[in-house]
Structure formats: C-alpha cells, structure tokens
Amino acid sequence: MRISDIEFYLVSLDARAASHSAQSLLVRVATESMLEGWGESQVSSTAGQLEGQRQAVLAALVGHSIFDVEEALSLDAMADPALACAVEMAMWDLIGRATEQPLCHLWGGAYRRRIPLAVRLATDPPDSTVRHARELAEHSLATQIITSCGEVLGDVAAIAQVREAAGDRACLRLDGASQYTVEEARDLCSQLEDDSLQFFLDPLSADHADELAALSRQVNVPLGVSATIARPADVAAMSRSRGPQHVAIELPRVGGIARARECATVATACGLSPSLGRCVSGGVALAAMLQLAASTPGLSLANECTFHERRDELLIEPLEISDGMMTLPQAPGLGVEVDRAKVEQLQVSAQ
C-alpha cells in the first residue's frame, strides 16, 4: 500500500478564552486505493510557503509504502520537525486504518483508556484567570497551567488566587515561558510553598541549561523542561545533569509521534516524569495525543489539552471531556473522522 497524494490545509482556529486565533496545519495522505489518513501540527510557515513544502514532501514520499515511517522521517523534505509531525501522524493514521486497529494497539495496547488532562488558564483579560480556574475545577479539570506574566510578584499572586479559586484538589503548574533570569526564578521559588506547584516549567531560556540544572538543586519547587527537548538525546542529557525532574514533550517540537514515544521512554528509564505538552489542535493532534498517552505507561501525569479553548472543531464527532479526562477513541487509526467541509471553511488562503 503506497502513497499517491498529499494535501496540506492551513486552517485558522478561533480561541474561546482569548482574542487571538491560532493556525494549524492539517495534512491528508492518500493511497492509490483511496484510503486516507490525517495529521495535524502547528507550523510557522504561511499558506504560500506551504505549497512549496508540500511539493517537496510529495516528491519525496510518492510511491513509498505507508508502513515506512522511519524511512520517511529520515528524508531531507521532512527536516522541519513540525512539518514532519503532521505528515508522520497522517501516515500512522493510514497504518491504523489499513490494519483496522486503533493506533494504541500497534504500540503495545491500551494501558489506560481514560486520559487525564491538563488545561491552560486564560490570561486575557487578567481577571479571567481566576474565573476560568473556578469553572474548570467545577468540571473536575484539576490540573491547571498558569502562564507566567514574567514578574515574580505577579506570578506569586496569580498562583495564590488560582489556588483559592480552584480549591485544595487543584494541581497547578506554572509555565515560565523562558522569561526569568536565574536570580528571578530563585526568588520566585523562595516565595512559594513547597507544595504550591506540581512543577515550574521552562523558568529560564535555552541559553541557561547549566544554570537550570544548578537552580533545580537550589530550590524546593520541582522544575520542568519543554523548550529545550527536541530529541531523545536531550532528555538523556537533562537526566545526566541532575536537573529538572519533569519533561513536557511537544509533538511538533520533537518531530512527531515516534520521537515523542522515544522521549517518553528515555525519560521514564532515567527516572524522570514525562507528560505531553502544549499542541494547538482542531481535534486530529488531540486524538494522536490520546492514542500515545493510552499506550505509553510512563505518561501517567495529566497531558496538556488545548481543545477546550477552540470554538471550531474539525471532527465530525467531537471528542468530549468528562470528569477531567477524555476517553480513548476505539475506531481504527487515530480513531476520529475529519469534517472536510469544516476544513475547507476554515482554510487560510495564500496571500
């Protein structure tokens, strides 16, 4: 079964909790027998740039077996990890559909069938954070992510306010977005209770890897890393540095499902706690996250889900959140069906 066609769709997804929109790349990979698979990723390319990238990927992959995922990932046309993520995801979806199995069955089976979710709190306007935290807690979404404002006192106040609004059962994470200096991050951690946060993600920029390892040994707040994790070797290097104990793996950053599984496996083997990090999704990438989390024992923490933020969903049957979790889809492949009419309606045209 060989690849005969590849289509790219850049779509605009409106955010419920913010005034801005996000763009997502949908990739459709088809075979000569008209079987199709879908993938999704967040990319920085414009619609005009994507057409040239599509032509390069099509030329490289046409005629290749859908099962040759590792070979596809090694091609020059797949050098962009975010682009590779969407194409590889579509190939995996095809493999599942061809074998008539949900993807988790091809990766060792469903270790868990309900996936715990972490959600990011709204920040615009500022007072919406507390209201959003309370609403999420009422729907049993207890693992909540606060995006740092970049100021120590502001973050300390936000954590306290969210803790009060969400209650004692809330499990909070702070995403520093690489905004702090070493001194500021140390000051922030010193002002927090030992159990204030599950972990403090990316407090420093990527240029301060050595300082991050030292910081993790100087503070009581657990630290996490996402921005510097681009391959399994980065996870191993972090373990050797005896630095942060949490790894948030973003599929577009590491290059797709296969590399994310490898990162999670290395993290678990090294005694670190992996989870799946932020990925803008209209539903397809979210389904991939569910299949991956279901079949990977080490991904036991809540995995970040942005699907609840979107007004527009690209699936015929939307995925639903219940009691802070999503149930694993059981249909073949990713387990979801894309609504082509919605995709075309939301498609961003080339300028």
Protein backbone atom coordinates (compact mmCIF):
# COMPACT_ATOMS: atom_id res chain seq x y z
CA MET A 1 0.00 0.00 0.00
CA ARG A 2 1.76 3.11 -1.29
CA ILE A 3 1.37 6.88 -1.01
CA SER A 4 -0.17 8.50 -4.07
CA ASP A 5 -1.12 12.01 -2.93
CA ILE A 6 -0.53 14.52 -0.12
CA GLU A 7 -2.63 17.61 0.62
CA PHE A 8 -1.87 20.48 3.00
CA TYR A 9 -4.51 22.69 4.65
CA LEU A 10 -3.59 25.67 6.79
CA VAL A 11 -6.64 26.42 8.95
CA SER A 12 -7.47 29.15 11.44
CA LEU A 13 -8.76 28.07 14.84
CA ASP A 14 -10.52 30.69 16.98
CA ALA A 15 -9.78 30.70 20.72
CA ARG A 16 -12.66 30.77 23.17
CA ALA A 17 -10.65 32.15 26.02
CA ALA A 18 -8.58 34.71 24.14
CA SER A 19 -8.98 37.38 21.49
CA HIS A 20 -6.43 35.86 19.13
CA SER A 21 -6.60 32.89 16.80
CA ALA A 22 -4.16 30.09 16.15
CA GLN A 23 -3.24 28.37 12.91
CA SER A 24 -2.90 24.66 12.45
CA LEU A 25 -1.57 22.60 9.54
CA LEU A 26 -3.70 19.63 8.52
CA VAL A 27 -2.09 17.03 6.25
CA ARG A 28 -4.01 14.43 4.26
CA VAL A 29 -2.04 11.47 2.93
CA ALA A 30 -3.84 9.18 0.45
CA THR A 31 -3.04 5.85 -1.19
CA GLU A 32 -3.76 4.57 -4.68
CA SER A 33 -6.67 2.61 -3.19
CA MET A 34 -8.18 5.92 -1.91
CA LEU A 35 -7.53 5.15 1.75
CA GLU A 36 -6.65 8.37 3.59
CA GLY A 37 -5.01 9.41 6.83
CA TRP A 38 -4.85 12.77 8.59
CA GLY A 39 -2.22 14.54 10.65
CA GLU A 40 -2.01 17.92 12.37
CA SER A 41 0.70 20.20 13.68
CA GLN A 42 1.39 23.84 14.45
CA VAL A 43 3.80 25.40 11.94
CA SER A 44 5.27 28.85 11.37
CA SER A 45 5.00 28.74 7.55
CA THR A 46 2.49 30.84 5.63
CA ALA A 47 -0.04 29.32 3.25
CA GLY A 48 2.12 30.39 0.31
CA GLN A 49 5.25 28.80 1.72
CA LEU A 50 3.44 25.56 2.50
CA GLU A 51 2.69 24.85 -1.16
CA GLY A 52 6.39 24.59 -1.94
CA GLN A 53 6.90 22.38 1.10
CA ARG A 54 4.01 20.18 0.03
CA GLN A 55 5.53 19.70 -3.40
CA ALA A 56 8.85 18.68 -1.84
CA VAL A 57 7.22 16.22 0.57
CA LEU A 58 5.03 14.75 -2.19
CA ALA A 59 8.02 14.24 -4.49
CA ALA A 60 9.92 12.54 -1.67
CA LEU A 61 7.11 10.25 -0.47
CA VAL A 62 5.01 9.37 -3.52
CA GLY A 63 5.32 5.66 -4.20
CA HIS A 64 6.63 4.90 -0.70
CA SER A 65 4.91 2.32 1.49
CA ILE A 66 2.74 3.82 4.20
CA PHE A 67 4.47 1.49 6.67
CA ASP A 68 7.95 3.01 6.14
CA VAL A 69 7.60 5.69 8.79
CA GLU A 70 11.23 5.72 9.92
CA GLU A 71 12.46 5.98 6.34
CA ALA A 72 10.12 8.91 5.74
CA LEU A 73 11.39 10.72 8.82
CA SER A 74 14.97 10.47 7.54
CA LEU A 75 14.28 12.30 4.26
CA ASP A 76 15.51 15.87 3.70
CA ALA A 77 11.97 17.02 2.85
CA MET A 78 10.96 16.10 6.41
CA ALA A 79 13.73 18.08 8.12
CA ASP A 80 11.28 20.57 9.67
CA PRO A 81 10.10 18.77 12.85
CA ALA A 82 6.69 20.47 12.92
CA LEU A 83 6.02 19.58 9.30
CA ALA A 84 7.32 16.04 9.86
CA CYS A 85 4.96 15.73 12.83
CA ALA A 86 1.85 16.30 10.69
CA VAL A 87 2.96 14.06 7.82
CA GLU A 88 4.10 11.23 10.11
CA MET A 89 0.82 11.44 12.05
CA ALA A 90 -1.13 11.03 8.82
CA MET A 91 0.99 8.00 7.91
CA TRP A 92 0.28 6.42 11.30
CA ASP A 93 -3.43 7.13 10.81
CA LEU A 94 -3.22 5.34 7.46
CA ILE A 95 -1.44 2.37 9.03
CA GLY A 96 -4.15 2.04 11.65
CA ARG A 97 -6.90 2.25 9.06
CA ALA A 98 -5.17 -0.27 6.80
CA THR A 99 -4.83 -2.76 9.66
CA GLU A 100 -8.26 -1.85 11.06
CA GLN A 101 -6.82 -1.17 14.51
CA PRO A 102 -6.66 1.91 16.75
CA LEU A 103 -3.06 3.07 16.90
CA CYS A 104 -2.62 2.22 20.56
CA HIS A 105 -2.99 -1.47 19.60
CA LEU A 106 0.04 -1.13 17.32
CA TRP A 107 2.11 0.44 20.11
CA GLY A 108 1.60 -2.19 22.78
CA GLY A 109 -2.10 -1.90 23.60
CA ALA A 110 -4.24 0.41 25.72
CA TYR A 111 -2.50 0.68 29.09
CA ARG A 112 -5.16 3.22 30.08
CA ARG A 113 -8.45 4.06 28.37
CA ARG A 114 -9.19 7.39 30.05
CA ILE A 115 -6.54 10.06 29.69
CA PRO A 116 -6.16 12.75 32.39
CA LEU A 117 -5.93 16.28 31.01
CA ALA A 118 -4.14 19.46 32.00
CA VAL A 119 -5.60 22.75 30.77
CA ARG A 120 -4.07 26.20 30.40
CA LEU A 121 -5.84 29.07 32.11
CA ALA A 122 -6.99 32.13 30.22
CA THR A 123 -4.90 35.26 30.76
CA ASP A 124 -6.71 37.90 28.70
CA PRO A 125 -8.16 39.89 30.43
CA PRO A 126 -6.14 39.27 33.63
CA ASP A 127 -9.16 38.79 35.92
CA SER A 128 -10.37 35.95 33.70
CA THR A 129 -7.69 33.64 35.11
CA VAL A 130 -9.43 33.21 38.45
CA ARG A 131 -12.85 32.82 36.89
CA HIS A 132 -11.53 30.26 34.42
CA ALA A 133 -9.80 28.30 37.21
CA ARG A 134 -13.03 28.08 39.17
CA GLU A 135 -15.03 26.94 36.12
CA LEU A 136 -12.50 24.26 35.24
CA ALA A 137 -12.41 22.97 38.81
CA GLU A 138 -16.18 22.69 38.79
CA HIS A 139 -15.83 20.39 35.75
CA SER A 140 -13.19 18.27 37.55
CA LEU A 141 -10.31 19.69 35.48
CA ALA A 142 -8.00 19.91 38.46
CA THR A 143 -4.61 20.06 36.70
CA GLN A 144 -4.32 23.68 35.59
CA ILE A 145 -1.48 25.58 33.94
CA ILE A 146 -0.76 29.22 34.70
CA THR A 147 1.19 31.14 32.07
CA SER A 148 3.78 33.37 33.73
CA CYS A 149 3.44 37.13 33.46
CA GLY A 150 7.22 37.42 33.73
CA GLU A 151 7.16 39.19 37.11
CA VAL A 152 7.82 37.47 40.42
CA LEU A 153 5.17 39.24 42.49
CA GLY A 154 2.58 38.87 39.73
CA ASP A 155 3.14 35.13 39.46
CA VAL A 156 3.09 34.62 43.23
CA ALA A 157 -0.24 36.46 43.42
CA ALA A 158 -1.69 34.54 40.45
CA ILE A 159 -0.76 31.17 41.97
CA ALA A 160 -2.37 32.12 45.29
CA GLN A 161 -5.54 33.37 43.59
CA VAL A 162 -5.90 30.28 41.41
CA ARG A 163 -5.26 28.02 44.39
CA GLU A 164 -8.06 29.75 46.30
CA ALA A 165 -10.44 29.65 43.34
CA ALA A 166 -9.78 26.03 42.31
CA GLY A 167 -9.60 24.58 45.79
CA ASP A 168 -7.27 22.19 47.53
CA ARG A 169 -7.69 19.47 44.92
CA ALA A 170 -6.17 21.64 42.19
CA CYS A 171 -2.80 20.55 40.83
CA LEU A 172 -1.06 23.65 39.49
CA ARG A 173 1.76 24.11 37.01
CA LEU A 174 3.46 27.38 36.13
CA ASP A 175 4.81 27.88 32.60
CA GLY A 176 7.64 30.37 32.87
CA ALA A 177 7.88 30.60 29.07
CA SER A 178 11.67 31.04 29.46
CA GLN A 179 11.18 34.59 30.75
CA TYR A 180 13.13 34.59 34.02
CA THR A 181 16.76 35.15 34.92
CA VAL A 182 18.36 32.70 37.34
CA GLU A 183 18.06 35.19 40.20
CA GLU A 184 14.41 35.96 39.49
CA ALA A 185 13.50 32.29 39.23
CA ARG A 186 15.24 31.57 42.52
CA ASP A 187 13.40 34.47 44.15
CA LEU A 188 10.05 33.25 42.84
CA CYS A 189 10.60 29.70 44.11
CA SER A 190 11.65 31.01 47.53
CA GLN A 191 8.31 32.79 47.89
CA LEU A 192 6.24 29.68 47.13
CA GLU A 193 5.19 26.92 49.44
CA ASP A 194 6.83 23.57 48.79
CA ASP A 195 3.55 22.13 47.51
CA SER A 196 2.34 25.18 45.56
CA LEU A 197 3.19 23.72 42.15
CA GLN A 198 3.42 20.29 40.61
CA PHE A 199 6.28 21.83 38.61
CA PHE A 200 7.62 25.12 37.27
CA LEU A 201 8.10 24.68 33.51
CA ASP A 202 10.82 26.42 31.49
CA PRO A 203 11.79 29.13 34.00
CA LEU A 204 14.99 30.02 32.08
CA SER A 205 15.88 30.48 28.43
CA ALA A 206 17.52 27.71 26.41
CA ASP A 207 20.86 29.53 26.79
CA HIS A 208 20.92 28.74 30.51
CA ALA A 209 20.90 24.92 30.51
CA ASP A 210 23.74 24.66 33.02
CA GLU A 211 22.15 27.26 35.30
CA LEU A 212 18.83 25.40 35.12
CA ALA A 213 20.44 22.23 36.44
CA ALA A 214 22.02 24.19 39.29
CA LEU A 215 18.75 26.02 40.01
CA SER A 216 16.87 22.74 40.36
CA ARG A 217 19.22 21.73 43.17
CA GLN A 218 18.83 25.07 44.97
CA VAL A 219 15.04 25.37 45.16
CA ASN A 220 12.25 23.29 46.68
CA VAL A 221 9.83 23.78 43.76
CA PRO A 222 10.10 20.94 41.17
CA LEU A 223 11.24 22.20 37.76
CA GLY A 224 10.28 21.01 34.28
CA VAL A 225 11.60 21.45 30.75
CA SER A 226 9.88 21.59 27.37
CA ALA A 227 11.51 24.25 25.19
CA THR A 228 14.90 22.50 25.05
CA ILE A 229 13.55 19.00 24.38
CA ALA A 230 13.85 18.37 20.64
CA ARG A 231 15.03 14.74 20.62
CA PRO A 232 15.51 11.78 22.98
CA ALA A 233 19.19 12.71 23.49
CA ASP A 234 18.07 15.98 25.09
CA VAL A 235 16.10 14.03 27.69
CA ALA A 236 19.12 11.85 28.48
CA ALA A 237 21.36 14.92 28.76
CA MET A 238 18.94 16.54 31.20
CA SER A 239 18.98 13.41 33.32
CA ARG A 240 22.76 13.36 33.40
CA SER A 241 22.82 16.97 34.56
CA ARG A 242 20.68 16.01 37.58
CA GLY A 243 18.48 18.95 36.76
CA PRO A 244 14.68 19.21 36.37
CA GLN A 245 12.65 16.09 37.04
CA HIS A 246 9.75 16.80 34.68
CA VAL A 247 9.72 16.67 30.87
CA ALA A 248 6.84 18.13 28.82
CA ILE A 249 7.12 16.66 25.31
CA GLU A 250 5.63 18.70 22.46
CA LEU A 251 4.96 16.63 19.34
CA PRO A 252 5.70 19.43 16.81
CA ARG A 253 8.97 20.25 18.56
CA VAL A 254 10.32 16.68 18.61
CA GLY A 255 9.08 15.74 15.14
CA GLY A 256 6.04 13.58 15.74
CA ILE A 257 4.65 10.55 17.48
CA ALA A 258 7.59 8.15 17.09
CA ARG A 259 10.10 10.62 18.54
CA ALA A 260 7.70 11.61 21.32
CA ARG A 261 7.37 7.96 22.34
CA GLU A 262 11.16 7.66 22.37
CA CYS A 263 11.47 10.78 24.53
CA ALA A 264 8.90 9.44 27.00
CA THR A 265 10.64 6.06 27.14
CA VAL A 266 14.05 7.64 27.80
CA ALA A 267 12.55 9.91 30.46
CA THR A 268 10.94 7.01 32.29
CA ALA A 269 14.13 4.93 32.09
CA CYS A 270 16.07 7.85 33.57
CA GLY A 271 13.66 8.29 36.46
CA LEU A 272 12.05 11.47 35.08
CA SER A 273 8.33 12.24 34.84
CA PRO A 274 7.17 12.79 31.24
CA SER A 275 3.93 14.31 30.00
CA LEU A 276 2.72 15.61 26.66
CA GLY A 277 2.95 19.38 26.30
CA ARG A 278 1.05 22.09 24.50
CA CYS A 279 -0.10 21.41 20.95
CA VAL A 280 -2.66 23.58 19.17
CA SER A 281 -5.32 21.23 17.79
CA GLY A 282 -8.62 21.17 16.00
CA GLY A 283 -9.02 17.57 17.11
CA VAL A 284 -6.64 15.48 14.99
CA ALA A 285 -3.47 16.11 17.02
CA LEU A 286 -5.50 15.69 20.20
CA ALA A 287 -6.61 12.22 19.04
CA ALA A 288 -2.94 11.36 18.42
CA MET A 289 -2.09 12.52 21.93
CA LEU A 290 -4.80 10.25 23.36
CA GLN A 291 -3.56 7.22 21.43
CA LEU A 292 0.02 7.92 22.50
CA ALA A 293 -0.82 8.53 26.16
CA ALA A 294 -3.01 5.43 26.27
CA SER A 295 -0.23 3.12 25.09
CA THR A 296 2.73 4.63 26.95
CA PRO A 297 2.80 3.59 30.63
CA GLY A 298 5.19 6.40 31.60
CA LEU A 299 2.73 9.10 30.52
CA SER A 300 0.74 8.86 33.74
CA LEU A 301 0.58 12.60 34.52
CA ALA A 302 -2.09 14.83 33.04
CA ASN A 303 -1.28 15.81 29.44
CA GLU A 304 -1.95 19.33 28.22
CA CYS A 305 -5.06 19.73 26.10
CA THR A 306 -5.96 22.95 24.26
CA PHE A 307 -9.04 21.55 22.51
CA HIS A 308 -11.41 23.07 25.10
CA GLU A 309 -10.20 26.55 24.06
CA ARG A 310 -11.41 26.31 20.46
CA ARG A 311 -14.69 27.47 19.01
CA ASP A 312 -14.20 25.47 15.83
CA GLU A 313 -13.58 21.75 15.77
CA LEU A 314 -12.54 19.86 12.68
CA LEU A 315 -14.04 16.48 13.55
CA ILE A 316 -17.37 15.00 12.53
CA GLU A 317 -17.84 13.62 16.04
CA PRO A 318 -16.11 15.88 18.59
CA LEU A 319 -14.06 14.49 21.44
CA GLU A 320 -15.67 15.17 24.81
CA ILE A 321 -14.16 15.93 28.21
CA SER A 322 -15.73 14.17 31.21
CA ASP A 323 -14.54 14.38 34.82
CA GLY A 324 -11.26 15.92 33.72
CA MET A 325 -10.48 13.13 31.27
CA MET A 326 -11.01 12.05 27.68
CA THR A 327 -11.93 8.52 26.68
CA LEU A 328 -9.68 6.85 24.12
CA PRO A 329 -11.32 6.62 20.65
CA GLN A 330 -11.72 2.99 19.58
CA ALA A 331 -12.06 3.38 15.79
CA PRO A 332 -9.12 2.45 13.52
CA GLY A 333 -6.13 4.77 13.20
CA LEU A 334 -6.39 7.93 15.27
CA GLY A 335 -9.99 6.98 15.94
CA VAL A 336 -11.57 10.17 14.57
CA GLU A 337 -13.05 11.39 11.29
CA VAL A 338 -12.19 14.80 9.81
CA ASP A 339 -15.01 17.02 8.54
CA ARG A 340 -13.75 18.15 5.13
CA ALA A 341 -16.38 20.90 4.90
CA LYS A 342 -15.14 22.47 8.14
CA VAL A 343 -11.54 22.22 6.99
CA GLU A 344 -12.29 24.00 3.73
CA GLN A 345 -14.38 26.61 5.53
CA LEU A 346 -11.52 27.48 7.91
CA GLN A 347 -8.71 27.16 5.38
CA VAL A 348 -6.33 30.13 5.16
CA SER A 349 -5.72 31.16 1.57
CA ALA A 350 -2.29 32.11 0.20
CA GLN A 351 -1.65 35.86 0.06
